[in-house]
PDB file of N, CA and C in Angstrom:
ATOM      1  N   MET A   1       0.871  88.243  32.085  1.00  0.00           N
ATOM      2  CA  MET A   1       0.674  88.896  30.804  1.00  0.00           C
ATOM      3  C   MET A   1       1.434  88.147  29.704  1.00  0.00           C
ATOM      4  N   LYS A   2       2.670  87.746  29.984  1.00  0.00           N
ATOM      5  CA  LYS A   2       3.454  87.027  28.989  1.00  0.00           C
ATOM      6  C   LYS A   2       2.791  85.695  28.648  1.00  0.00           C
ATOM      7  N   ARG A   3       2.245  85.010  29.665  1.00  0.00           N
ATOM      8  CA  ARG A   3       1.597  83.715  29.434  1.00  0.00           C
ATOM      9  C   ARG A   3       0.374  83.880  28.530  1.00  0.00           C
ATOM     10  N   THR A   4      -0.372  84.936  28.748  1.00  0.00           N
ATOM     11  CA  THR A   4      -1.552  85.188  27.923  1.00  0.00           C
ATOM     12  C   THR A   4      -1.139  85.444  26.475  1.00  0.00           C
ATOM     13  N   LEU A   5      -0.095  86.228  26.294  1.00  0.00           N
ATOM     14  CA  LEU A   5       0.399  86.532  24.952  1.00  0.00           C
ATOM     15  C   LEU A   5       0.911  85.266  24.262  1.00  0.00           C
ATOM     16  N   ILE A   6       1.646  84.447  24.976  1.00  0.00           N
ATOM     17  CA  ILE A   6       2.161  83.194  24.411  1.00  0.00           C
ATOM     18  C   ILE A   6       1.007  82.254  24.066  1.00  0.00           C
ATOM     19  N   ALA A   7       0.034  82.128  24.965  1.00  0.00           N
ATOM     20  CA  ALA A   7      -1.119  81.258  24.717  1.00  0.00           C
ATOM     21  C   ALA A   7      -1.901  81.733  23.495  1.00  0.00           C
ATOM     22  N   ALA A   8      -2.097  83.034  23.378  1.00  0.00           N
ATOM     23  CA  ALA A   8      -2.824  83.578  22.231  1.00  0.00           C
ATOM     24  C   ALA A   8      -2.055  83.319  20.938  1.00  0.00           C
ATOM     25  N   SER A   9      -0.746  83.458  20.982  1.00  0.00           N
ATOM     26  CA  SER A   9       0.080  83.189  19.802  1.00  0.00           C
ATOM     27  C   SER A   9      -0.019  81.736  19.384  1.00  0.00           C
ATOM     28  N   LEU A  10       0.015  80.819  20.339  1.00  0.00           N
ATOM     29  CA  LEU A  10      -0.099  79.395  20.024  1.00  0.00           C
ATOM     30  C   LEU A  10      -1.454  79.055  19.419  1.00  0.00           C
ATOM     31  N   VAL A  11      -2.516  79.666  19.942  1.00  0.00           N
ATOM     32  CA  VAL A  11      -3.853  79.429  19.392  1.00  0.00           C
ATOM     33  C   VAL A  11      -3.907  79.879  17.935  1.00  0.00           C
ATOM     34  N   ILE A  12      -3.335  81.031  17.638  1.00  0.00           N
ATOM     35  CA  ILE A  12      -3.324  81.540  16.261  1.00  0.00           C
ATOM     36  C   ILE A  12      -2.523  80.614  15.351  1.00  0.00           C
ATOM     37  N   ILE A  13      -1.370  80.166  15.805  1.00  0.00           N
ATOM     38  CA  ILE A  13      -0.532  79.276  14.995  1.00  0.00           C
ATOM     39  C   ILE A  13      -1.246  77.959  14.721  1.00  0.00           C
ATOM     40  N   PHE A  14      -1.823  77.345  15.743  1.00  0.00           N
ATOM     41  CA  PHE A  14      -2.512  76.071  15.555  1.00  0.00           C
ATOM     42  C   PHE A  14      -3.763  76.243  14.688  1.00  0.00           C
ATOM     43  N   SER A  15      -4.456  77.355  14.831  1.00  0.00           N
ATOM     44  CA  SER A  15      -5.627  77.619  13.992  1.00  0.00           C
ATOM     45  C   SER A  15      -5.224  77.724  12.522  1.00  0.00           C
ATOM     46  N   SER A  16      -4.078  78.327  12.262  1.00  0.00           N
ATOM     47  CA  SER A  16      -3.582  78.443  10.898  1.00  0.00           C
ATOM     48  C   SER A  16      -3.317  77.075  10.303  1.00  0.00           C
ATOM     49  N   PHE A  17      -2.697  76.180  11.078  1.00  0.00           N
ATOM     50  CA  PHE A  17      -2.432  74.834  10.575  1.00  0.00           C
ATOM     51  C   PHE A  17      -3.725  74.075  10.320  1.00  0.00           C
ATOM     52  N   ILE A  18      -4.696  74.228  11.182  1.00  0.00           N
ATOM     53  CA  ILE A  18      -5.972  73.540  11.013  1.00  0.00           C
ATOM     54  C   ILE A  18      -6.673  74.048   9.764  1.00  0.00           C
ATOM     55  N   SER A  19      -6.718  75.352   9.564  1.00  0.00           N
ATOM     56  CA  SER A  19      -7.405  75.885   8.389  1.00  0.00           C
ATOM     57  C   SER A  19      -6.650  75.542   7.114  1.00  0.00           C
ATOM     58  N   MET A  20      -5.317  75.457   7.154  1.00  0.00           N
ATOM     59  CA  MET A  20      -4.561  75.056   5.973  1.00  0.00           C
ATOM     60  C   MET A  20      -4.911  73.628   5.598  1.00  0.00           C
ATOM     61  N   GLY A  21      -5.143  72.781   6.558  1.00  0.00           N
ATOM     62  CA  GLY A  21      -5.513  71.408   6.298  1.00  0.00           C
ATOM     63  C   GLY A  21      -6.851  71.317   5.595  1.00  0.00           C
ATOM     64  N   GLU A  22      -7.770  72.218   5.884  1.00  0.00           N
ATOM     65  CA  GLU A  22      -9.074  72.212   5.232  1.00  0.00           C
ATOM     66  C   GLU A  22      -8.938  72.451   3.734  1.00  0.00           C
ATOM     67  N   PHE A  23      -7.989  73.285   3.341  1.00  0.00           N
ATOM     68  CA  PHE A  23      -7.832  73.617   1.938  1.00  0.00           C
ATOM     69  C   PHE A  23      -7.260  72.464   1.129  1.00  0.00           C
ATOM     70  N   SER A  24      -6.595  71.511   1.766  1.00  0.00           N
ATOM     71  CA  SER A  24      -5.976  70.430   1.009  1.00  0.00           C
ATOM     72  C   SER A  24      -6.918  69.238   0.849  1.00  0.00           C
ATOM     73  N   ASP A  25      -8.129  69.341   1.306  1.00  0.00           N
ATOM     74  CA  ASP A  25      -9.086  68.257   1.239  1.00  0.00           C
ATOM     75  C   ASP A  25      -9.647  68.139  -0.172  1.00  0.00           C
ATOM     76  N   PRO A  26      -9.451  66.980  -0.834  1.00  0.00           N
ATOM     77  CA  PRO A  26      -9.983  66.832  -2.188  1.00  0.00           C
ATOM     78  C   PRO A  26     -11.504  66.957  -2.239  1.00  0.00           C
ATOM     79  N   GLU A  27     -12.172  66.729  -1.130  1.00  0.00           N
ATOM     80  CA  GLU A  27     -13.630  66.831  -1.085  1.00  0.00           C
ATOM     81  C   GLU A  27     -14.108  68.244  -1.428  1.00  0.00           C
ATOM     82  N   TYR A  28     -13.320  69.262  -1.109  1.00  0.00           N
ATOM     83  CA  TYR A  28     -13.726  70.640  -1.395  1.00  0.00           C
ATOM     84  C   TYR A  28     -13.973  70.836  -2.892  1.00  0.00           C
ATOM     85  N   PHE A  29     -13.088  70.314  -3.728  1.00  0.00           N
ATOM     86  CA  PHE A  29     -13.172  70.536  -5.167  1.00  0.00           C
ATOM     87  C   PHE A  29     -14.182  69.614  -5.850  1.00  0.00           C
ATOM     88  N   GLN A  30     -14.644  68.608  -5.159  1.00  0.00           N
ATOM     89  CA  GLN A  30     -15.552  67.643  -5.754  1.00  0.00           C
ATOM     90  C   GLN A  30     -16.829  68.319  -6.249  1.00  0.00           C
ATOM     91  N   GLY A  31     -17.281  67.923  -7.434  1.00  0.00           N
ATOM     92  CA  GLY A  31     -18.501  68.481  -8.000  1.00  0.00           C
ATOM     93  C   GLY A  31     -18.226  69.228  -9.290  1.00  0.00           C
ATOM     94  N   ARG A  32     -19.249  69.939  -9.740  1.00  0.00           N
ATOM     95  CA  ARG A  32     -19.159  70.676 -11.005  1.00  0.00           C
ATOM     96  C   ARG A  32     -18.790  72.134 -10.743  1.00  0.00           C
ATOM     97  N   TRP A  33     -17.961  72.685 -11.630  1.00  0.00           N
ATOM     98  CA  TRP A  33     -17.486  74.055 -11.533  1.00  0.00           C
ATOM     99  C   TRP A  33     -17.556  74.721 -12.900  1.00  0.00           C
ATOM    100  N   ASN A  34     -17.890  75.987 -12.930  1.00  0.00           N
ATOM    101  CA  ASN A  34     -17.718  76.821 -14.120  1.00  0.00           C
ATOM    102  C   ASN A  34     -16.470  77.648 -13.868  1.00  0.00           C
ATOM    103  N   VAL A  35     -15.434  77.387 -14.648  1.00  0.00           N
ATOM    104  CA  VAL A  35     -14.148  78.057 -14.463  1.00  0.00           C
ATOM    105  C   VAL A  35     -13.954  79.034 -15.618  1.00  0.00           C
ATOM    106  N   THR A  36     -13.843  80.313 -15.290  1.00  0.00           N
ATOM    107  CA  THR A  36     -13.683  81.355 -16.301  1.00  0.00           C
ATOM    108  C   THR A  36     -12.226  81.800 -16.340  1.00  0.00           C
ATOM    109  N   VAL A  37     -11.679  81.831 -17.557  1.00  0.00           N
ATOM    110  CA  VAL A  37     -10.311  82.291 -17.809  1.00  0.00           C
ATOM    111  C   VAL A  37     -10.426  83.711 -18.347  1.00  0.00           C
ATOM    112  N   TYR A  38      -9.690  84.643 -17.743  1.00  0.00           N
ATOM    113  CA  TYR A  38      -9.772  86.058 -18.119  1.00  0.00           C
ATOM    114  C   TYR A  38      -8.525  86.513 -18.870  1.00  0.00           C
ATOM    115  N   GLY A  39      -8.754  87.329 -19.918  1.00  0.00           N
ATOM    116  CA  GLY A  39      -7.670  88.043 -20.578  1.00  0.00           C
ATOM    117  C   GLY A  39      -6.830  87.247 -21.554  1.00  0.00           C
ATOM    118  N   THR A  40      -7.356  86.152 -22.114  1.00  0.00           N
ATOM    119  CA  THR A  40      -6.581  85.422 -23.113  1.00  0.00           C
ATOM    120  C   THR A  40      -6.628  86.189 -24.439  1.00  0.00           C
ATOM    121  N   PRO A  41      -5.732  85.891 -25.375  1.00  0.00           N
ATOM    122  CA  PRO A  41      -5.783  86.565 -26.678  1.00  0.00           C
ATOM    123  C   PRO A  41      -7.125  86.371 -27.400  1.00  0.00           C
ATOM    124  N   GLN A  42      -7.831  85.257 -27.110  1.00  0.00           N
ATOM    125  CA  GLN A  42      -9.139  85.009 -27.705  1.00  0.00           C
ATOM    126  C   GLN A  42     -10.274  85.556 -26.843  1.00  0.00           C
ATOM    127  N   GLY A  43      -9.950  86.249 -25.786  1.00  0.00           N
ATOM    128  CA  GLY A  43     -10.958  86.805 -24.886  1.00  0.00           C
ATOM    129  C   GLY A  43     -11.208  85.906 -23.686  1.00  0.00           C
ATOM    130  N   ASP A  44     -12.192  86.255 -22.885  1.00  0.00           N
ATOM    131  CA  ASP A  44     -12.546  85.468 -21.706  1.00  0.00           C
ATOM    132  C   ASP A  44     -13.297  84.218 -22.150  1.00  0.00           C
ATOM    133  N   ALA A  45     -13.087  83.121 -21.411  1.00  0.00           N
ATOM    134  CA  ALA A  45     -13.760  81.871 -21.765  1.00  0.00           C
ATOM    135  C   ALA A  45     -14.117  81.112 -20.501  1.00  0.00           C
ATOM    136  N   THR A  46     -15.291  80.494 -20.505  1.00  0.00           N
ATOM    137  CA  THR A  46     -15.714  79.669 -19.374  1.00  0.00           C
ATOM    138  C   THR A  46     -15.631  78.204 -19.781  1.00  0.00           C
ATOM    139  N   ILE A  47     -14.967  77.416 -18.939  1.00  0.00           N
ATOM    140  CA  ILE A  47     -14.797  75.991 -19.178  1.00  0.00           C
ATOM    141  C   ILE A  47     -15.527  75.234 -18.067  1.00  0.00           C
ATOM    142  N   PRO A  48     -16.586  74.519 -18.404  1.00  0.00           N
ATOM    143  CA  PRO A  48     -17.237  73.689 -17.387  1.00  0.00           C
ATOM    144  C   PRO A  48     -16.303  72.536 -16.993  1.00  0.00           C
ATOM    145  N   MET A  49     -16.141  72.328 -15.693  1.00  0.00           N
ATOM    146  CA  MET A  49     -15.273  71.265 -15.178  1.00  0.00           C
ATOM    147  C   MET A  49     -16.010  70.478 -14.112  1.00  0.00           C
ATOM    148  N   ARG A  50     -15.522  69.264 -13.914  1.00  0.00           N
ATOM    149  CA  ARG A  50     -16.081  68.403 -12.862  1.00  0.00           C
ATOM    150  C   ARG A  50     -14.933  67.648 -12.227  1.00  0.00           C
ATOM    151  N   PHE A  51     -14.957  67.587 -10.894  1.00  0.00           N
ATOM    152  CA  PHE A  51     -13.940  66.851 -10.156  1.00  0.00           C
ATOM    153  C   PHE A  51     -14.629  65.831  -9.264  1.00  0.00           C
ATOM    154  N   GLU A  52     -14.022  64.649  -9.168  1.00  0.00           N
ATOM    155  CA  GLU A  52     -14.561  63.630  -8.276  1.00  0.00           C
ATOM    156  C   GLU A  52     -13.419  62.985  -7.509  1.00  0.00           C
ATOM    157  N   ALA A  53     -13.639  62.793  -6.232  1.00  0.00           N
ATOM    158  CA  ALA A  53     -12.643  62.162  -5.369  1.00  0.00           C
ATOM    159  C   ALA A  53     -12.942  60.674  -5.292  1.00  0.00           C
ATOM    160  N   GLN A  54     -11.907  59.863  -5.518  1.00  0.00           N
ATOM    161  CA  GLN A  54     -12.022  58.420  -5.403  1.00  0.00           C
ATOM    162  C   GLN A  54     -10.778  57.902  -4.712  1.00  0.00           C
ATOM    163  N   ASP A  55     -10.974  57.203  -3.612  1.00  0.00           N
ATOM    164  CA  ASP A  55      -9.861  56.619  -2.852  1.00  0.00           C
ATOM    165  C   ASP A  55      -8.799  57.655  -2.494  1.00  0.00           C
ATOM    166  N   GLY A  56      -9.224  58.858  -2.133  1.00  0.00           N
ATOM    167  CA  GLY A  56      -8.298  59.904  -1.715  1.00  0.00           C
ATOM    168  C   GLY A  56      -7.629  60.644  -2.867  1.00  0.00           C
ATOM    169  N   ALA A  57      -7.875  60.205  -4.104  1.00  0.00           N
ATOM    170  CA  ALA A  57      -7.300  60.875  -5.271  1.00  0.00           C
ATOM    171  C   ALA A  57      -8.406  61.668  -5.971  1.00  0.00           C
ATOM    172  N   LEU A  58      -7.993  62.633  -6.754  1.00  0.00           N
ATOM    173  CA  LEU A  58      -8.941  63.483  -7.453  1.00  0.00           C
ATOM    174  C   LEU A  58      -8.841  63.236  -8.957  1.00  0.00           C
ATOM    175  N   ASN A  59      -9.980  63.070  -9.613  1.00  0.00           N
ATOM    176  CA  ASN A  59     -10.046  62.954 -11.066  1.00  0.00           C
ATOM    177  C   ASN A  59     -10.759  64.184 -11.591  1.00  0.00           C
ATOM    178  N   GLY A  60     -10.336  64.665 -12.761  1.00  0.00           N
ATOM    179  CA  GLY A  60     -10.947  65.856 -13.325  1.00  0.00           C
ATOM    180  C   GLY A  60     -11.428  65.639 -14.740  1.00  0.00           C
ATOM    181  N   PHE A  61     -12.498  66.347 -15.097  1.00  0.00           N
ATOM    182  CA  PHE A  61     -13.109  66.256 -16.417  1.00  0.00           C
ATOM    183  C   PHE A  61     -13.495  67.666 -16.853  1.00  0.00           C
ATOM    184  N   PHE A  62     -13.561  67.884 -18.178  1.00  0.00           N
ATOM    185  CA  PHE A  62     -13.925  69.204 -18.681  1.00  0.00           C
ATOM    186  C   PHE A  62     -14.651  69.066 -20.007  1.00  0.00           C
ATOM    187  N   TYR A  63     -15.369  70.119 -20.379  1.00  0.00           N
ATOM    188  CA  TYR A  63     -16.027  70.207 -21.670  1.00  0.00           C
ATOM    189  C   TYR A  63     -15.232  71.223 -22.484  1.00  0.00           C
ATOM    190  N   GLY A  64     -14.518  70.745 -23.499  1.00  0.00           N
ATOM    191  CA  GLY A  64     -13.621  71.619 -24.246  1.00  0.00           C
ATOM    192  C   GLY A  64     -14.205  72.215 -25.504  1.00  0.00           C
ATOM    193  N   ASP A  65     -15.379  71.751 -25.900  1.00  0.00           N
ATOM    194  CA  ASP A  65     -15.983  72.299 -27.110  1.00  0.00           C
ATOM    195  C   ASP A  65     -17.503  72.198 -27.000  1.00  0.00           C
ATOM    196  N   MET A  66     -18.168  72.552 -28.066  1.00  0.00           N
ATOM    197  CA  MET A  66     -19.628  72.600 -28.049  1.00  0.00           C
ATOM    198  C   MET A  66     -20.282  71.228 -28.279  1.00  0.00           C
ATOM    199  N   SER A  67     -19.471  70.170 -28.442  1.00  0.00           N
ATOM    200  CA  SER A  67     -20.027  68.846 -28.731  1.00  0.00           C
ATOM    201  C   SER A  67     -20.768  68.243 -27.536  1.00  0.00           C
ATOM    202  N   GLY A  68     -20.484  68.749 -26.360  1.00  0.00           N
ATOM    203  CA  GLY A  68     -21.106  68.196 -25.161  1.00  0.00           C
ATOM    204  C   GLY A  68     -20.393  66.962 -24.643  1.00  0.00           C
ATOM    205  N   GLN A  69     -19.270  66.615 -25.257  1.00  0.00           N
ATOM    206  CA  GLN A  69     -18.477  65.466 -24.831  1.00  0.00           C
ATOM    207  C   GLN A  69     -17.554  65.874 -23.685  1.00  0.00           C
ATOM    208  N   GLU A  70     -17.593  65.102 -22.628  1.00  0.00           N
ATOM    209  CA  GLU A  70     -16.728  65.351 -21.488  1.00  0.00           C
ATOM    210  C   GLU A  70     -15.385  64.660 -21.732  1.00  0.00           C
ATOM    211  N   SER A  71     -14.276  65.368 -21.472  1.00  0.00           N
ATOM    212  CA  SER A  71     -12.933  64.817 -21.624  1.00  0.00           C
ATOM    213  C   SER A  71     -12.265  64.726 -20.261  1.00  0.00           C
ATOM    214  N   GLU A  72     -11.440  63.715 -20.092  1.00  0.00           N
ATOM    215  CA  GLU A  72     -10.742  63.538 -18.817  1.00  0.00           C
ATOM    216  C   GLU A  72      -9.439  64.328 -18.815  1.00  0.00           C
ATOM    217  N   MET A  73      -9.126  64.937 -17.683  1.00  0.00           N
ATOM    218  CA  MET A  73      -7.866  65.654 -17.533  1.00  0.00           C
ATOM    219  C   MET A  73      -6.734  64.639 -17.388  1.00  0.00           C
ATOM    220  N   ASP A  74      -5.552  65.009 -17.873  1.00  0.00           N
ATOM    221  CA  ASP A  74      -4.410  64.108 -17.810  1.00  0.00           C
ATOM    222  C   ASP A  74      -3.883  63.955 -16.394  1.00  0.00           C
ATOM    223  N   THR A  75      -3.824  65.049 -15.660  1.00  0.00           N
ATOM    224  CA  THR A  75      -3.250  65.052 -14.319  1.00  0.00           C
ATOM    225  C   THR A  75      -4.088  65.947 -13.421  1.00  0.00           C
ATOM    226  N   VAL A  76      -4.370  65.467 -12.210  1.00  0.00           N
ATOM    227  CA  VAL A  76      -5.040  66.283 -11.199  1.00  0.00           C
ATOM    228  C   VAL A  76      -4.445  65.901  -9.851  1.00  0.00           C
ATOM    229  N   TYR A  77      -3.955  66.897  -9.115  1.00  0.00           N
ATOM    230  CA  TYR A  77      -3.440  66.644  -7.776  1.00  0.00           C
ATOM    231  C   TYR A  77      -3.530  67.914  -6.941  1.00  0.00           C
ATOM    232  N   ILE A  78      -3.445  67.737  -5.634  1.00  0.00           N
ATOM    233  CA  ILE A  78      -3.466  68.873  -4.718  1.00  0.00           C
ATOM    234  C   ILE A  78      -2.104  68.969  -4.051  1.00  0.00           C
ATOM    235  N   SER A  79      -1.543  70.168  -4.086  1.00  0.00           N
ATOM    236  CA  SER A  79      -0.253  70.436  -3.461  1.00  0.00           C
ATOM    237  C   SER A  79      -0.346  71.759  -2.716  1.00  0.00           C
ATOM    238  N   ASP A  80       0.007  71.744  -1.460  1.00  0.00           N
ATOM    239  CA  ASP A  80      -0.040  72.959  -0.628  1.00  0.00           C
ATOM    240  C   ASP A  80      -1.399  73.639  -0.695  1.00  0.00           C
ATOM    241  N   GLY A  81      -2.467  72.842  -0.716  1.00  0.00           N
ATOM    242  CA  GLY A  81      -3.818  73.375  -0.698  1.00  0.00           C
ATOM    243  C   GLY A  81      -4.328  73.871  -2.036  1.00  0.00           C
ATOM    244  N   THR A  82      -3.548  73.682  -3.101  1.00  0.00           N
ATOM    245  CA  THR A  82      -3.928  74.145  -4.428  1.00  0.00           C
ATOM    246  C   THR A  82      -4.164  72.963  -5.346  1.00  0.00           C
ATOM    247  N   LEU A  83      -5.297  72.971  -6.042  1.00  0.00           N
ATOM    248  CA  LEU A  83      -5.568  71.959  -7.053  1.00  0.00           C
ATOM    249  C   LEU A  83      -4.763  72.328  -8.286  1.00  0.00           C
ATOM    250  N   ASN A  84      -4.030  71.359  -8.802  1.00  0.00           N
ATOM    251  CA  ASN A  84      -3.249  71.535 -10.027  1.00  0.00           C
ATOM    252  C   ASN A  84      -3.732  70.503 -11.032  1.00  0.00           C
ATOM    253  N   ALA A  85      -3.914  70.912 -12.286  1.00  0.00           N
ATOM    254  CA  ALA A  85      -4.384  69.991 -13.315  1.00  0.00           C
ATOM    255  C   ALA A  85      -3.718  70.327 -14.639  1.00  0.00           C
ATOM    256  N   ALA A  86      -3.592  69.300 -15.478  1.00  0.00           N
ATOM    257  CA  ALA A  86      -3.049  69.469 -16.821  1.00  0.00           C
ATOM    258  C   ALA A  86      -3.962  68.729 -17.793  1.00  0.00           C
ATOM    259  N   PHE A  87      -4.214  69.366 -18.948  1.00  0.00           N
ATOM    260  CA  PHE A  87      -5.053  68.738 -19.954  1.00  0.00           C
ATOM    261  C   PHE A  87      -4.850  69.428 -21.299  1.00  0.00           C
ATOM    262  N   PHE A  88      -5.356  68.810 -22.347  1.00  0.00           N
ATOM    263  CA  PHE A  88      -5.226  69.301 -23.709  1.00  0.00           C
ATOM    264  C   PHE A  88      -6.568  69.890 -24.135  1.00  0.00           C
ATOM    265  N   ILE A  89      -6.560  71.177 -24.514  1.00  0.00           N
ATOM    266  CA  ILE A  89      -7.802  71.839 -24.919  1.00  0.00           C
ATOM    267  C   ILE A  89      -7.492  72.865 -26.007  1.00  0.00           C
ATOM    268  N   GLY A  90      -8.325  72.908 -27.019  1.00  0.00           N
ATOM    269  CA  GLY A  90      -8.180  73.904 -28.077  1.00  0.00           C
ATOM    270  C   GLY A  90      -6.841  73.869 -28.784  1.00  0.00           C
ATOM    271  N   GLY A  91      -6.223  72.690 -28.868  1.00  0.00           N
ATOM    272  CA  GLY A  91      -4.928  72.569 -29.528  1.00  0.00           C
ATOM    273  C   GLY A  91      -3.732  72.888 -28.641  1.00  0.00           C
ATOM    274  N   TYR A  92      -3.966  73.076 -27.344  1.00  0.00           N
ATOM    275  CA  TYR A  92      -2.887  73.431 -26.423  1.00  0.00           C
ATOM    276  C   TYR A  92      -2.854  72.502 -25.214  1.00  0.00           C
ATOM    277  N   ASP A  93      -1.643  72.179 -24.772  1.00  0.00           N
ATOM    278  CA  ASP A  93      -1.471  71.541 -23.469  1.00  0.00           C
ATOM    279  C   ASP A  93      -1.460  72.658 -22.444  1.00  0.00           C
ATOM    280  N   VAL A  94      -2.380  72.618 -21.491  1.00  0.00           N
ATOM    281  CA  VAL A  94      -2.485  73.691 -20.506  1.00  0.00           C
ATOM    282  C   VAL A  94      -2.410  73.137 -19.090  1.00  0.00           C
ATOM    283  N   THR A  95      -2.061  74.012 -18.189  1.00  0.00           N
ATOM    284  CA  THR A  95      -2.096  73.694 -16.758  1.00  0.00           C
ATOM    285  C   THR A  95      -2.943  74.744 -16.068  1.00  0.00           C
ATOM    286  N   ILE A  96      -3.620  74.319 -15.008  1.00  0.00           N
ATOM    287  CA  ILE A  96      -4.367  75.260 -14.181  1.00  0.00           C
ATOM    288  C   ILE A  96      -4.014  75.022 -12.732  1.00  0.00           C
ATOM    289  N   SER A  97      -4.211  76.051 -11.938  1.00  0.00           N
ATOM    290  CA  SER A  97      -4.115  75.938 -10.482  1.00  0.00           C
ATOM    291  C   SER A  97      -5.335  76.649  -9.910  1.00  0.00           C
ATOM    292  N   LEU A  98      -5.968  76.024  -8.930  1.00  0.00           N
ATOM    293  CA  LEU A  98      -7.144  76.602  -8.275  1.00  0.00           C
ATOM    294  C   LEU A  98      -6.995  76.475  -6.776  1.00  0.00           C
ATOM    295  N   SER A  99      -7.310  77.532  -6.067  1.00  0.00           N
ATOM    296  CA  SER A  99      -7.291  77.531  -4.612  1.00  0.00           C
ATOM    297  C   SER A  99      -8.641  77.991  -4.092  1.00  0.00           C
ATOM    298  N   GLU A 100      -8.993  77.504  -2.939  1.00  0.00           N
ATOM    299  CA  GLU A 100     -10.270  77.851  -2.313  1.00  0.00           C
ATOM    300  C   GLU A 100     -10.300  79.328  -1.925  1.00  0.00           C
ATOM    301  N   VAL A 101     -11.384  79.998  -2.282  1.00  0.00           N
ATOM    302  CA  VAL A 101     -11.639  81.371  -1.830  1.00  0.00           C
ATOM    303  C   VAL A 101     -12.667  81.320  -0.703  1.00  0.00           C
ATOM    304  N   ASP A 102     -13.776  80.644  -0.977  1.00  0.00           N
ATOM    305  CA  ASP A 102     -14.788  80.387   0.048  1.00  0.00           C
ATOM    306  C   ASP A 102     -15.514  79.110  -0.346  1.00  0.00           C
ATOM    307  N   LYS A 103     -16.631  78.835   0.284  1.00  0.00           N
ATOM    308  CA  LYS A 103     -17.337  77.566   0.088  1.00  0.00           C
ATOM    309  C   LYS A 103     -17.638  77.268  -1.384  1.00  0.00           C
ATOM    310  N   ASP A 104     -17.994  78.259  -2.166  1.00  0.00           N
ATOM    311  CA  ASP A 104     -18.435  78.043  -3.544  1.00  0.00           C
ATOM    312  C   ASP A 104     -17.602  78.757  -4.596  1.00  0.00           C
ATOM    313  N   ASN A 105     -16.455  79.307  -4.223  1.00  0.00           N
ATOM    314  CA  ASN A 105     -15.626  80.051  -5.162  1.00  0.00           C
ATOM    315  C   ASN A 105     -14.168  79.663  -5.019  1.00  0.00           C
ATOM    316  N   SER A 106     -13.489  79.619  -6.161  1.00  0.00           N
ATOM    317  CA  SER A 106     -12.060  79.342  -6.173  1.00  0.00           C
ATOM    318  C   SER A 106     -11.403  80.322  -7.146  1.00  0.00           C
ATOM    319  N   ALA A 107     -10.097  80.435  -7.049  1.00  0.00           N
ATOM    320  CA  ALA A 107      -9.357  81.349  -7.916  1.00  0.00           C
ATOM    321  C   ALA A 107      -7.990  80.754  -8.203  1.00  0.00           C
ATOM    322  N   GLY A 108      -7.410  81.146  -9.322  1.00  0.00           N
ATOM    323  CA  GLY A 108      -6.096  80.624  -9.670  1.00  0.00           C
ATOM    324  C   GLY A 108      -5.630  81.166 -10.999  1.00  0.00           C
ATOM    325  N   PHE A 109      -4.847  80.315 -11.699  1.00  0.00           N
ATOM    326  CA  PHE A 109      -4.238  80.748 -12.947  1.00  0.00           C
ATOM    327  C   PHE A 109      -4.219  79.623 -13.972  1.00  0.00           C
ATOM    328  N   LEU A 110      -4.302  80.012 -15.227  1.00  0.00           N
ATOM    329  CA  LEU A 110      -4.075  79.136 -16.360  1.00  0.00           C
ATOM    330  C   LEU A 110      -2.665  79.418 -16.847  1.00  0.00           C
ATOM    331  N   MET A 111      -1.820  78.405 -16.913  1.00  0.00           N
ATOM    332  CA  MET A 111      -0.438  78.540 -17.379  1.00  0.00           C
ATOM    333  C   MET A 111       0.339  79.599 -16.578  1.00  0.00           C
ATOM    334  N   ASN A 112      -0.046  79.821 -15.340  1.00  0.00           N
ATOM    335  CA  ASN A 112       0.586  80.831 -14.482  1.00  0.00           C
ATOM    336  C   ASN A 112       0.560  82.229 -15.091  1.00  0.00           C
ATOM    337  N   MET A 113      -0.341  82.458 -16.054  1.00  0.00           N
ATOM    338  CA  MET A 113      -0.402  83.760 -16.721  1.00  0.00           C
ATOM    339  C   MET A 113      -1.784  84.388 -16.683  1.00  0.00           C
ATOM    340  N   PHE A 114      -2.810  83.586 -16.920  1.00  0.00           N
ATOM    341  CA  PHE A 114      -4.157  84.120 -17.054  1.00  0.00           C
ATOM    342  C   PHE A 114      -4.971  83.789 -15.810  1.00  0.00           C
ATOM    343  N   GLU A 115      -5.649  84.789 -15.286  1.00  0.00           N
ATOM    344  CA  GLU A 115      -6.442  84.631 -14.065  1.00  0.00           C
ATOM    345  C   GLU A 115      -7.642  83.714 -14.307  1.00  0.00           C
ATOM    346  N   LEU A 116      -7.906  82.863 -13.323  1.00  0.00           N
ATOM    347  CA  LEU A 116      -9.065  81.968 -13.334  1.00  0.00           C
ATOM    348  C   LEU A 116      -9.943  82.267 -12.144  1.00  0.00           C
ATOM    349  N   LYS A 117     -11.235  82.134 -12.350  1.00  0.00           N
ATOM    350  CA  LYS A 117     -12.184  82.164 -11.231  1.00  0.00           C
ATOM    351  C   LYS A 117     -13.138  81.018 -11.427  1.00  0.00           C
ATOM    352  N   GLY A 118     -13.290  80.195 -10.399  1.00  0.00           N
ATOM    353  CA  GLY A 118     -14.191  79.064 -10.457  1.00  0.00           C
ATOM    354  C   GLY A 118     -15.393  79.299  -9.564  1.00  0.00           C
ATOM    355  N   VAL A 119     -16.570  78.939 -10.059  1.00  0.00           N
ATOM    356  CA  VAL A 119     -17.805  79.039  -9.291  1.00  0.00           C
ATOM    357  C   VAL A 119     -18.447  77.657  -9.275  1.00  0.00           C
ATOM    358  N   ARG A 120     -18.714  77.152  -8.079  1.00  0.00           N
ATOM    359  CA  ARG A 120     -19.355  75.844  -7.936  1.00  0.00           C
ATOM    360  C   ARG A 120     -20.755  75.894  -8.538  1.00  0.00           C
ATOM    361  N   VAL A 121     -21.102  74.875  -9.316  1.00  0.00           N
ATOM    362  CA  VAL A 121     -22.434  74.767  -9.888  1.00  0.00           C
ATOM    363  C   VAL A 121     -23.349  74.177  -8.827  1.00  0.00           C
ATOM    364  N   GLN A 122     -24.404  74.906  -8.504  1.00  0.00           N
ATOM    365  CA  GLN A 122     -25.359  74.438  -7.501  1.00  0.00           C
ATOM    366  C   GLN A 122     -26.318  73.454  -8.175  1.00  0.00           C
ATOM    367  N   GLU A 123     -26.403  72.273  -7.613  1.00  0.00           N
ATOM    368  CA  GLU A 123     -27.273  71.252  -8.216  1.00  0.00           C
ATOM    369  C   GLU A 123     -28.485  71.023  -7.398  1.00  0.00           C
TER     370      GLU A 123
END
């Protein structure tokens, strides 16, 4: 009985490490996302974003205004399974964090204050 309990515990622990590794894969974030920021003083806002993995690193881009011009993010990296990015938008230097919820959804925060929800754009 003890051996079964120990074996089951080890399987759970190793499964946790394996699934944590899946979240740190830059490939997950690759592609286009509609990221909605909730509860800002100006109301809710959706920011179209795009991430691309190159040589194991992640690059990020966003549309910050109605001009249709794509801007590059200053910093994009993954730490502990969370995508972190910094960029200048609407007159502000902002940071975001996004974590995987499921295959096509992510969640996080803008400036560690405002809730974000990202939805993968199906192409």
